[in-house]
Each structure stands twice: as C-alpha cells, then as structure tokens.
Amino acid sequence: MKSILIRPLITEKMSGISEKHSNKFGFVVAVDANKIQIAKALKEKFNVDVTSVNTILYKGKMKTQFTKKGRFSGRTAKFKKAVVTLKEGQTIDIFGQA
C-alpha cells in the first residue's frame, strides 16, 4: 500500500498559518489521495480528529536547460498539498515524529 502522507509542509507561509491558527497544519500528500483518505491517514498516524481538509494540486512545470551539447527539456514533478484543520485544542508534533 502506498503512503498517503509524504512529508509535512514546512514553509514560511505555512508556519505563519500555523502560528495564527494553532490547529492548522500542511502536508505534501500523494497525488491520487482524496480528502477522506488524508483524514483517515492523519487519524491513524497522529491520533487526532480532523474537521476539514483543503487540497491544492500543483501541476509540473516545463523546464529547459541549455548546455554546450544542446537544449534539454523536461518537467518538474506534480504534487498535492493538503491544509488540515484539527479539532479545537488538538495539535501535531511535526518535529517530534518525523
């Protein structure tokens, strides 16, 4: 079985959201995972109650590299972010369980 939660999302923007709302956390998740699967995975791994899951799907961008031997084109990988809201008073220790 493929893992649904890939890694926690630790960015400046997500840190600001987590400071403002102590019950919101971000994760990079599997592209084919839906909101119900994400909530179940969080319940199993961290034993928390999820009230809402917002997902954002990022498509891979075209990248071109110019070298002495010519031009090479490729794509960056697509990925999915999930911003999860927990029940009031609950929290996840992201740095403790990695």
PDB file of N, CA and C in Angstrom:
ATOM      1  N   MET A   1       0.837  -1.187   0.000  1.00  0.00           N
ATOM      2  CA  MET A   1       0.000   0.000   0.000  1.00  0.00           C
ATOM      3  C   MET A   1       0.885   1.255   0.000  1.00  0.00           C
ATOM      4  N   LYS A   2       0.531   2.204  -0.838  1.00  0.00           N
ATOM      5  CA  LYS A   2       1.299   3.427  -0.962  1.00  0.00           C
ATOM      6  C   LYS A   2       0.970   4.382   0.186  1.00  0.00           C
ATOM      7  N   SER A   3       1.970   5.072   0.671  1.00  0.00           N
ATOM      8  CA  SER A   3       1.777   6.017   1.765  1.00  0.00           C
ATOM      9  C   SER A   3       1.037   7.256   1.259  1.00  0.00           C
ATOM     10  N   ILE A   4       0.089   7.722   2.036  1.00  0.00           N
ATOM     11  CA  ILE A   4      -0.697   8.895   1.643  1.00  0.00           C
ATOM     12  C   ILE A   4       0.010  10.175   2.079  1.00  0.00           C
ATOM     13  N   LEU A   5       0.516  10.206   3.307  1.00  0.00           N
ATOM     14  CA  LEU A   5       1.240  11.372   3.804  1.00  0.00           C
ATOM     15  C   LEU A   5       2.706  11.231   3.411  1.00  0.00           C
ATOM     16  N   ILE A   6       3.199  12.140   2.579  1.00  0.00           N
ATOM     17  CA  ILE A   6       4.584  12.055   2.119  1.00  0.00           C
ATOM     18  C   ILE A   6       5.513  12.767   3.101  1.00  0.00           C
ATOM     19  N   ARG A   7       5.206  14.034   3.401  1.00  0.00           N
ATOM     20  CA  ARG A   7       6.029  14.782   4.355  1.00  0.00           C
ATOM     21  C   ARG A   7       5.253  16.007   4.828  1.00  0.00           C
ATOM     22  N   PRO A   8       5.621  16.547   5.991  1.00  0.00           N
ATOM     23  CA  PRO A   8       4.981  17.790   6.429  1.00  0.00           C
ATOM     24  C   PRO A   8       5.444  18.956   5.561  1.00  0.00           C
ATOM     25  N   LEU A   9       4.589  19.933   5.420  1.00  0.00           N
ATOM     26  CA  LEU A   9       4.879  21.107   4.605  1.00  0.00           C
ATOM     27  C   LEU A   9       5.416  22.195   5.530  1.00  0.00           C
ATOM     28  N   ILE A  10       6.717  22.439   5.449  1.00  0.00           N
ATOM     29  CA  ILE A  10       7.351  23.421   6.328  1.00  0.00           C
ATOM     30  C   ILE A  10       7.867  24.555   5.451  1.00  0.00           C
ATOM     31  N   THR A  11       7.049  25.589   5.308  1.00  0.00           N
ATOM     32  CA  THR A  11       7.410  26.774   4.539  1.00  0.00           C
ATOM     33  C   THR A  11       7.112  27.999   5.388  1.00  0.00           C
ATOM     34  N   GLU A  12       7.552  29.148   4.930  1.00  0.00           N
ATOM     35  CA  GLU A  12       7.305  30.382   5.666  1.00  0.00           C
ATOM     36  C   GLU A  12       5.807  30.684   5.729  1.00  0.00           C
ATOM     37  N   LYS A  13       5.110  30.471   4.629  1.00  0.00           N
ATOM     38  CA  LYS A  13       3.672  30.733   4.593  1.00  0.00           C
ATOM     39  C   LYS A  13       2.916  29.780   5.517  1.00  0.00           C
ATOM     40  N   MET A  14       3.268  28.486   5.489  1.00  0.00           N
ATOM     41  CA  MET A  14       2.577  27.511   6.327  1.00  0.00           C
ATOM     42  C   MET A  14       2.889  27.738   7.799  1.00  0.00           C
ATOM     43  N   SER A  15       4.104  28.186   8.115  1.00  0.00           N
ATOM     44  CA  SER A  15       4.451  28.498   9.504  1.00  0.00           C
ATOM     45  C   SER A  15       3.614  29.666  10.012  1.00  0.00           C
ATOM     46  N   GLY A  16       3.388  30.663   9.158  1.00  0.00           N
ATOM     47  CA  GLY A  16       2.548  31.797   9.540  1.00  0.00           C
ATOM     48  C   GLY A  16       1.114  31.385   9.800  1.00  0.00           C
ATOM     49  N   ILE A  17       0.583  30.486   8.968  1.00  0.00           N
ATOM     50  CA  ILE A  17      -0.784  29.993   9.165  1.00  0.00           C
ATOM     51  C   ILE A  17      -0.867  29.195  10.458  1.00  0.00           C
ATOM     52  N   SER A  18       0.145  28.370  10.740  1.00  0.00           N
ATOM     53  CA  SER A  18       0.141  27.552  11.954  1.00  0.00           C
ATOM     54  C   SER A  18       0.261  28.404  13.210  1.00  0.00           C
ATOM     55  N   GLU A  19       0.989  29.522  13.131  1.00  0.00           N
ATOM     56  CA  GLU A  19       1.091  30.417  14.284  1.00  0.00           C
ATOM     57  C   GLU A  19      -0.225  31.145  14.524  1.00  0.00           C
ATOM     58  N   LYS A  20      -0.876  31.567  13.450  1.00  0.00           N
ATOM     59  CA  LYS A  20      -2.139  32.296  13.574  1.00  0.00           C
ATOM     60  C   LYS A  20      -3.267  31.372  14.025  1.00  0.00           C
ATOM     61  N   HIS A  21      -3.346  30.194  13.437  1.00  0.00           N
ATOM     62  CA  HIS A  21      -4.348  29.187  13.790  1.00  0.00           C
ATOM     63  C   HIS A  21      -3.585  27.961  14.275  1.00  0.00           C
ATOM     64  N   SER A  22      -3.585  27.722  15.575  1.00  0.00           N
ATOM     65  CA  SER A  22      -2.740  26.657  16.135  1.00  0.00           C
ATOM     66  C   SER A  22      -3.216  25.262  15.762  1.00  0.00           C
ATOM     67  N   ASN A  23      -4.386  25.144  15.112  1.00  0.00           N
ATOM     68  CA  ASN A  23      -4.893  23.813  14.761  1.00  0.00           C
ATOM     69  C   ASN A  23      -4.869  23.554  13.251  1.00  0.00           C
ATOM     70  N   LYS A  24      -4.054  24.313  12.478  1.00  0.00           N
ATOM     71  CA  LYS A  24      -3.925  24.089  11.033  1.00  0.00           C
ATOM     72  C   LYS A  24      -2.507  23.643  10.710  1.00  0.00           C
ATOM     73  N   PHE A  25      -2.412  22.597   9.879  1.00  0.00           N
ATOM     74  CA  PHE A  25      -1.115  22.042   9.505  1.00  0.00           C
ATOM     75  C   PHE A  25      -1.122  21.704   8.021  1.00  0.00           C
ATOM     76  N   GLY A  26       0.055  21.737   7.399  1.00  0.00           N
ATOM     77  CA  GLY A  26       0.168  21.433   5.981  1.00  0.00           C
ATOM     78  C   GLY A  26       0.994  20.185   5.740  1.00  0.00           C
ATOM     79  N   PHE A  27       0.601  19.412   4.721  1.00  0.00           N
ATOM     80  CA  PHE A  27       1.315  18.196   4.352  1.00  0.00           C
ATOM     81  C   PHE A  27       1.387  18.095   2.837  1.00  0.00           C
ATOM     82  N   VAL A  28       2.460  17.507   2.341  1.00  0.00           N
ATOM     83  CA  VAL A  28       2.522  17.087   0.946  1.00  0.00           C
ATOM     84  C   VAL A  28       2.005  15.662   0.941  1.00  0.00           C
ATOM     85  N   VAL A  29       0.997  15.401   0.103  1.00  0.00           N
ATOM     86  CA  VAL A  29       0.329  14.102   0.099  1.00  0.00           C
ATOM     87  C   VAL A  29       0.422  13.472  -1.289  1.00  0.00           C
ATOM     88  N   ALA A  30       0.024  12.219  -1.380  1.00  0.00           N
ATOM     89  CA  ALA A  30       0.014  11.520  -2.666  1.00  0.00           C
ATOM     90  C   ALA A  30      -0.955  12.211  -3.616  1.00  0.00           C
ATOM     91  N   VAL A  31      -0.593  12.271  -4.888  1.00  0.00           N
ATOM     92  CA  VAL A  31      -1.395  12.993  -5.882  1.00  0.00           C
ATOM     93  C   VAL A  31      -2.786  12.381  -6.033  1.00  0.00           C
ATOM     94  N   ASP A  32      -2.895  11.064  -5.914  1.00  0.00           N
ATOM     95  CA  ASP A  32      -4.188  10.411  -6.114  1.00  0.00           C
ATOM     96  C   ASP A  32      -5.000  10.265  -4.827  1.00  0.00           C
ATOM     97  N   ALA A  33      -4.533  10.829  -3.714  1.00  0.00           N
ATOM     98  CA  ALA A  33      -5.263  10.726  -2.445  1.00  0.00           C
ATOM     99  C   ALA A  33      -6.407  11.734  -2.416  1.00  0.00           C
ATOM    100  N   ASN A  34      -7.552  11.310  -1.859  1.00  0.00           N
ATOM    101  CA  ASN A  34      -8.664  12.243  -1.700  1.00  0.00           C
ATOM    102  C   ASN A  34      -8.736  12.711  -0.245  1.00  0.00           C
ATOM    103  N   LYS A  35      -9.672  13.618   0.044  1.00  0.00           N
ATOM    104  CA  LYS A  35      -9.751  14.239   1.361  1.00  0.00           C
ATOM    105  C   LYS A  35     -10.084  13.231   2.459  1.00  0.00           C
ATOM    106  N   ILE A  36     -10.919  12.259   2.151  1.00  0.00           N
ATOM    107  CA  ILE A  36     -11.299  11.247   3.138  1.00  0.00           C
ATOM    108  C   ILE A  36     -10.092  10.382   3.496  1.00  0.00           C
ATOM    109  N   GLN A  37      -9.317   9.983   2.499  1.00  0.00           N
ATOM    110  CA  GLN A  37      -8.123   9.174   2.752  1.00  0.00           C
ATOM    111  C   GLN A  37      -7.083   9.949   3.557  1.00  0.00           C
ATOM    112  N   ILE A  38      -6.941  11.237   3.281  1.00  0.00           N
ATOM    113  CA  ILE A  38      -5.989  12.070   4.018  1.00  0.00           C
ATOM    114  C   ILE A  38      -6.405  12.167   5.481  1.00  0.00           C
ATOM    115  N   ALA A  39      -7.692  12.385   5.738  1.00  0.00           N
ATOM    116  CA  ALA A  39      -8.186  12.478   7.116  1.00  0.00           C
ATOM    117  C   ALA A  39      -7.981  11.162   7.865  1.00  0.00           C
ATOM    118  N   LYS A  40      -8.239  10.032   7.208  1.00  0.00           N
ATOM    119  CA  LYS A  40      -8.041   8.723   7.846  1.00  0.00           C
ATOM    120  C   LYS A  40      -6.571   8.471   8.155  1.00  0.00           C
ATOM    121  N   ALA A  41      -5.683   8.848   7.236  1.00  0.00           N
ATOM    122  CA  ALA A  41      -4.250   8.649   7.452  1.00  0.00           C
ATOM    123  C   ALA A  41      -3.751   9.474   8.638  1.00  0.00           C
ATOM    124  N   LEU A  42      -4.247  10.703   8.769  1.00  0.00           N
ATOM    125  CA  LEU A  42      -3.857  11.536   9.908  1.00  0.00           C
ATOM    126  C   LEU A  42      -4.388  10.969  11.216  1.00  0.00           C
ATOM    127  N   LYS A  43      -5.606  10.447  11.190  1.00  0.00           N
ATOM    128  CA  LYS A  43      -6.200   9.836  12.385  1.00  0.00           C
ATOM    129  C   LYS A  43      -5.373   8.635  12.839  1.00  0.00           C
ATOM    130  N   GLU A  44      -4.935   7.801  11.877  1.00  0.00           N
ATOM    131  CA  GLU A  44      -4.151   6.610  12.214  1.00  0.00           C
ATOM    132  C   GLU A  44      -2.747   6.963  12.705  1.00  0.00           C
ATOM    133  N   LYS A  45      -2.094   7.908  12.031  1.00  0.00           N
ATOM    134  CA  LYS A  45      -0.695   8.205  12.356  1.00  0.00           C
ATOM    135  C   LYS A  45      -0.541   9.071  13.603  1.00  0.00           C
ATOM    136  N   PHE A  46      -1.377  10.122  13.740  1.00  0.00           N
ATOM    137  CA  PHE A  46      -1.198  11.077  14.828  1.00  0.00           C
ATOM    138  C   PHE A  46      -2.298  11.016  15.888  1.00  0.00           C
ATOM    139  N   ASN A  47      -3.342  10.215  15.678  1.00  0.00           N
ATOM    140  CA  ASN A  47      -4.454  10.068  16.618  1.00  0.00           C
ATOM    141  C   ASN A  47      -5.106  11.424  16.938  1.00  0.00           C
ATOM    142  N   VAL A  48      -5.519  12.141  15.892  1.00  0.00           N
ATOM    143  CA  VAL A  48      -6.185  13.437  16.024  1.00  0.00           C
ATOM    144  C   VAL A  48      -7.502  13.409  15.250  1.00  0.00           C
ATOM    145  N   ASP A  49      -8.409  14.320  15.599  1.00  0.00           N
ATOM    146  CA  ASP A  49      -9.691  14.445  14.909  1.00  0.00           C
ATOM    147  C   ASP A  49      -9.598  15.575  13.894  1.00  0.00           C
ATOM    148  N   VAL A  50      -9.831  15.261  12.632  1.00  0.00           N
ATOM    149  CA  VAL A  50      -9.740  16.231  11.540  1.00  0.00           C
ATOM    150  C   VAL A  50     -11.124  16.805  11.275  1.00  0.00           C
ATOM    151  N   THR A  51     -11.232  18.145  11.261  1.00  0.00           N
ATOM    152  CA  THR A  51     -12.521  18.773  10.968  1.00  0.00           C
ATOM    153  C   THR A  51     -12.654  19.143   9.495  1.00  0.00           C
ATOM    154  N   SER A  52     -11.534  19.539   8.842  1.00  0.00           N
ATOM    155  CA  SER A  52     -11.612  19.843   7.411  1.00  0.00           C
ATOM    156  C   SER A  52     -10.256  19.623   6.752  1.00  0.00           C
ATOM    157  N   VAL A  53     -10.309  19.334   5.452  1.00  0.00           N
ATOM    158  CA  VAL A  53      -9.106  19.140   4.640  1.00  0.00           C
ATOM    159  C   VAL A  53      -9.277  19.951   3.365  1.00  0.00           C
ATOM    160  N   ASN A  54      -8.334  20.851   3.102  1.00  0.00           N
ATOM    161  CA  ASN A  54      -8.315  21.614   1.855  1.00  0.00           C
ATOM    162  C   ASN A  54      -7.114  21.147   1.050  1.00  0.00           C
ATOM    163  N   THR A  55      -7.330  20.821  -0.230  1.00  0.00           N
ATOM    164  CA  THR A  55      -6.246  20.306  -1.061  1.00  0.00           C
ATOM    165  C   THR A  55      -5.964  21.238  -2.229  1.00  0.00           C
ATOM    166  N   ILE A  56      -4.700  21.266  -2.631  1.00  0.00           N
ATOM    167  CA  ILE A  56      -4.246  22.056  -3.762  1.00  0.00           C
ATOM    168  C   ILE A  56      -3.387  21.147  -4.631  1.00  0.00           C
ATOM    169  N   LEU A  57      -3.709  21.020  -5.907  1.00  0.00           N
ATOM    170  CA  LEU A  57      -2.941  20.177  -6.822  1.00  0.00           C
ATOM    171  C   LEU A  57      -2.063  21.069  -7.691  1.00  0.00           C
ATOM    172  N   TYR A  58      -0.751  20.870  -7.609  1.00  0.00           N
ATOM    173  CA  TYR A  58       0.200  21.626  -8.406  1.00  0.00           C
ATOM    174  C   TYR A  58       0.646  20.777  -9.583  1.00  0.00           C
ATOM    175  N   LYS A  59       0.524  21.313 -10.787  1.00  0.00           N
ATOM    176  CA  LYS A  59       0.969  20.602 -11.977  1.00  0.00           C
ATOM    177  C   LYS A  59       2.450  20.881 -12.189  1.00  0.00           C
ATOM    178  N   GLY A  60       3.160  19.923 -12.785  1.00  0.00           N
ATOM    179  CA  GLY A  60       4.583  20.096 -13.044  1.00  0.00           C
ATOM    180  C   GLY A  60       4.828  21.155 -14.101  1.00  0.00           C
ATOM    181  N   LYS A  61       5.882  21.929 -13.928  1.00  0.00           N
ATOM    182  CA  LYS A  61       6.223  22.977 -14.880  1.00  0.00           C
ATOM    183  C   LYS A  61       7.231  22.462 -15.898  1.00  0.00           C
ATOM    184  N   MET A  62       7.184  23.030 -17.086  1.00  0.00           N
ATOM    185  CA  MET A  62       8.187  22.716 -18.105  1.00  0.00           C
ATOM    186  C   MET A  62       9.476  23.463 -17.758  1.00  0.00           C
ATOM    187  N   LYS A  63      10.583  22.747 -17.818  1.00  0.00           N
ATOM    188  CA  LYS A  63      11.884  23.350 -17.562  1.00  0.00           C
ATOM    189  C   LYS A  63      12.790  23.049 -18.748  1.00  0.00           C
ATOM    190  N   THR A  64      13.594  24.023 -19.149  1.00  0.00           N
ATOM    191  CA  THR A  64      14.533  23.847 -20.251  1.00  0.00           C
ATOM    192  C   THR A  64      15.927  24.187 -19.756  1.00  0.00           C
ATOM    193  N   GLN A  65      16.883  23.328 -20.075  1.00  0.00           N
ATOM    194  CA  GLN A  65      18.266  23.545 -19.680  1.00  0.00           C
ATOM    195  C   GLN A  65      19.107  23.662 -20.945  1.00  0.00           C
ATOM    196  N   PHE A  66      19.873  24.732 -21.027  1.00  0.00           N
ATOM    197  CA  PHE A  66      20.740  24.956 -22.180  1.00  0.00           C
ATOM    198  C   PHE A  66      22.169  24.569 -21.804  1.00  0.00           C
ATOM    199  N   THR A  67      22.772  23.693 -22.596  1.00  0.00           N
ATOM    200  CA  THR A  67      24.143  23.252 -22.350  1.00  0.00           C
ATOM    201  C   THR A  67      24.945  23.378 -23.635  1.00  0.00           C
ATOM    202  N   LYS A  68      26.219  23.012 -23.571  1.00  0.00           N
ATOM    203  CA  LYS A  68      27.068  23.044 -24.766  1.00  0.00           C
ATOM    204  C   LYS A  68      26.606  22.032 -25.805  1.00  0.00           C
ATOM    205  N   LYS A  69      25.991  20.957 -25.353  1.00  0.00           N
ATOM    206  CA  LYS A  69      25.546  19.909 -26.270  1.00  0.00           C
ATOM    207  C   LYS A  69      24.137  20.142 -26.806  1.00  0.00           C
ATOM    208  N   GLY A  70      23.496  21.193 -26.390  1.00  0.00           N
ATOM    209  CA  GLY A  70      22.163  21.463 -26.910  1.00  0.00           C
ATOM    210  C   GLY A  70      21.174  21.823 -25.814  1.00  0.00           C
ATOM    211  N   ARG A  71      19.930  21.689 -26.162  1.00  0.00           N
ATOM    212  CA  ARG A  71      18.852  22.081 -25.260  1.00  0.00           C
ATOM    213  C   ARG A  71      18.141  20.828 -24.773  1.00  0.00           C
ATOM    214  N   PHE A  72      17.879  20.747 -23.464  1.00  0.00           N
ATOM    215  CA  PHE A  72      17.166  19.621 -22.883  1.00  0.00           C
ATOM    216  C   PHE A  72      15.908  20.132 -22.204  1.00  0.00           C
ATOM    217  N   SER A  73      14.780  19.513 -22.512  1.00  0.00           N
ATOM    218  CA  SER A  73      13.512  19.905 -21.906  1.00  0.00           C
ATOM    219  C   SER A  73      13.008  18.790 -21.012  1.00  0.00           C
ATOM    220  N   GLY A  74      12.307  19.172 -19.978  1.00  0.00           N
ATOM    221  CA  GLY A  74      11.726  18.201 -19.063  1.00  0.00           C
ATOM    222  C   GLY A  74      10.660  18.866 -18.212  1.00  0.00           C
ATOM    223  N   ARG A  75      10.104  18.101 -17.307  1.00  0.00           N
ATOM    224  CA  ARG A  75       9.063  18.614 -16.425  1.00  0.00           C
ATOM    225  C   ARG A  75       9.457  18.383 -14.974  1.00  0.00           C
ATOM    226  N   THR A  76       9.007  19.283 -14.102  1.00  0.00           N
ATOM    227  CA  THR A  76       9.125  19.025 -12.676  1.00  0.00           C
ATOM    228  C   THR A  76       7.960  18.132 -12.276  1.00  0.00           C
ATOM    229  N   ALA A  77       8.082  17.449 -11.173  1.00  0.00           N
ATOM    230  CA  ALA A  77       7.052  16.512 -10.741  1.00  0.00           C
ATOM    231  C   ALA A  77       5.826  17.263 -10.225  1.00  0.00           C
ATOM    232  N   LYS A  78       4.641  16.715 -10.494  1.00  0.00           N
ATOM    233  CA  LYS A  78       3.435  17.308  -9.922  1.00  0.00           C
ATOM    234  C   LYS A  78       3.294  16.804  -8.494  1.00  0.00           C
ATOM    235  N   PHE A  79       2.624  17.611  -7.652  1.00  0.00           N
ATOM    236  CA  PHE A  79       2.436  17.221  -6.263  1.00  0.00           C
ATOM    237  C   PHE A  79       1.157  17.834  -5.727  1.00  0.00           C
ATOM    238  N   LYS A  80       0.738  17.364  -4.564  1.00  0.00           N
ATOM    239  CA  LYS A  80      -0.504  17.811  -3.956  1.00  0.00           C
ATOM    240  C   LYS A  80      -0.236  18.237  -2.521  1.00  0.00           C
ATOM    241  N   LYS A  81      -0.762  19.411  -2.153  1.00  0.00           N
ATOM    242  CA  LYS A  81      -0.672  19.908  -0.783  1.00  0.00           C
ATOM    243  C   LYS A  81      -2.021  19.720  -0.110  1.00  0.00           C
ATOM    244  N   ALA A  82      -1.982  19.487   1.189  1.00  0.00           N
ATOM    245  CA  ALA A  82      -3.208  19.416   1.973  1.00  0.00           C
ATOM    246  C   ALA A  82      -3.038  20.287   3.209  1.00  0.00           C
ATOM    247  N   VAL A  83      -3.968  21.226   3.415  1.00  0.00           N
ATOM    248  CA  VAL A  83      -4.005  22.030   4.628  1.00  0.00           C
ATOM    249  C   VAL A  83      -5.119  21.457   5.484  1.00  0.00           C
ATOM    250  N   VAL A  84      -4.743  20.975   6.665  1.00  0.00           N
ATOM    251  CA  VAL A  84      -5.646  20.215   7.516  1.00  0.00           C
ATOM    252  C   VAL A  84      -5.993  21.039   8.748  1.00  0.00           C
ATOM    253  N   THR A  85      -7.283  21.108   9.073  1.00  0.00           N
ATOM    254  CA  THR A  85      -7.741  21.759  10.292  1.00  0.00           C
ATOM    255  C   THR A  85      -8.154  20.688  11.286  1.00  0.00           C
ATOM    256  N   LEU A  86      -7.587  20.770  12.485  1.00  0.00           N
ATOM    257  CA  LEU A  86      -7.887  19.797  13.531  1.00  0.00           C
ATOM    258  C   LEU A  86      -8.956  20.334  14.471  1.00  0.00           C
ATOM    259  N   LYS A  87      -9.496  19.441  15.294  1.00  0.00           N
ATOM    260  CA  LYS A  87     -10.464  19.824  16.313  1.00  0.00           C
ATOM    261  C   LYS A  87      -9.784  20.794  17.277  1.00  0.00           C
ATOM    262  N   GLU A  88     -10.539  21.747  17.806  1.00  0.00           N
ATOM    263  CA  GLU A  88     -10.002  22.782  18.684  1.00  0.00           C
ATOM    264  C   GLU A  88      -9.280  22.158  19.879  1.00  0.00           C
ATOM    265  N   GLY A  89      -8.068  22.648  20.137  1.00  0.00           N
ATOM    266  CA  GLY A  89      -7.285  22.151  21.266  1.00  0.00           C
ATOM    267  C   GLY A  89      -6.332  21.024  20.920  1.00  0.00           C
ATOM    268  N   GLN A  90      -6.441  20.446  19.721  1.00  0.00           N
ATOM    269  CA  GLN A  90      -5.543  19.363  19.325  1.00  0.00           C
ATOM    270  C   GLN A  90      -4.395  19.920  18.495  1.00  0.00           C
ATOM    271  N   THR A  91      -3.267  19.241  18.546  1.00  0.00           N
ATOM    272  CA  THR A  91      -2.095  19.675  17.803  1.00  0.00           C
ATOM    273  C   THR A  91      -1.289  18.458  17.357  1.00  0.00           C
ATOM    274  N   ILE A  92      -0.379  18.675  16.415  1.00  0.00           N
ATOM    275  CA  ILE A  92       0.503  17.622  15.915  1.00  0.00           C
ATOM    276  C   ILE A  92       1.937  18.070  16.161  1.00  0.00           C
ATOM    277  N   ASP A  93       2.750  17.200  16.743  1.00  0.00           N
ATOM    278  CA  ASP A  93       4.167  17.484  16.939  1.00  0.00           C
ATOM    279  C   ASP A  93       4.909  17.003  15.693  1.00  0.00           C
ATOM    280  N   ILE A  94       5.038  17.884  14.711  1.00  0.00           N
ATOM    281  CA  ILE A  94       5.632  17.520  13.425  1.00  0.00           C
ATOM    282  C   ILE A  94       7.115  17.186  13.580  1.00  0.00           C
ATOM    283  N   PHE A  95       7.843  17.953  14.383  1.00  0.00           N
ATOM    284  CA  PHE A  95       9.282  17.740  14.509  1.00  0.00           C
ATOM    285  C   PHE A  95       9.615  16.560  15.405  1.00  0.00           C
ATOM    286  N   GLY A  96       8.700  16.137  16.259  1.00  0.00           N
ATOM    287  CA  GLY A  96       8.947  15.009  17.152  1.00  0.00           C
ATOM    288  C   GLY A  96       8.767  13.670  16.473  1.00  0.00           C
ATOM    289  N   GLN A  97       7.827  13.565  15.527  1.00  0.00           N
ATOM    290  CA  GLN A  97       7.547  12.307  14.832  1.00  0.00           C
ATOM    291  C   GLN A  97       7.824  12.466  13.351  1.00  0.00           C
ATOM    292  N   ALA A  98       9.056  12.385  12.957  1.00  0.00           N
ATOM    293  CA  ALA A  98       9.373  12.518  11.535  1.00  0.00           C
ATOM    294  C   ALA A  98      10.087  11.308  11.025  1.00  0.00           C
TER     295      ALA A  98
END
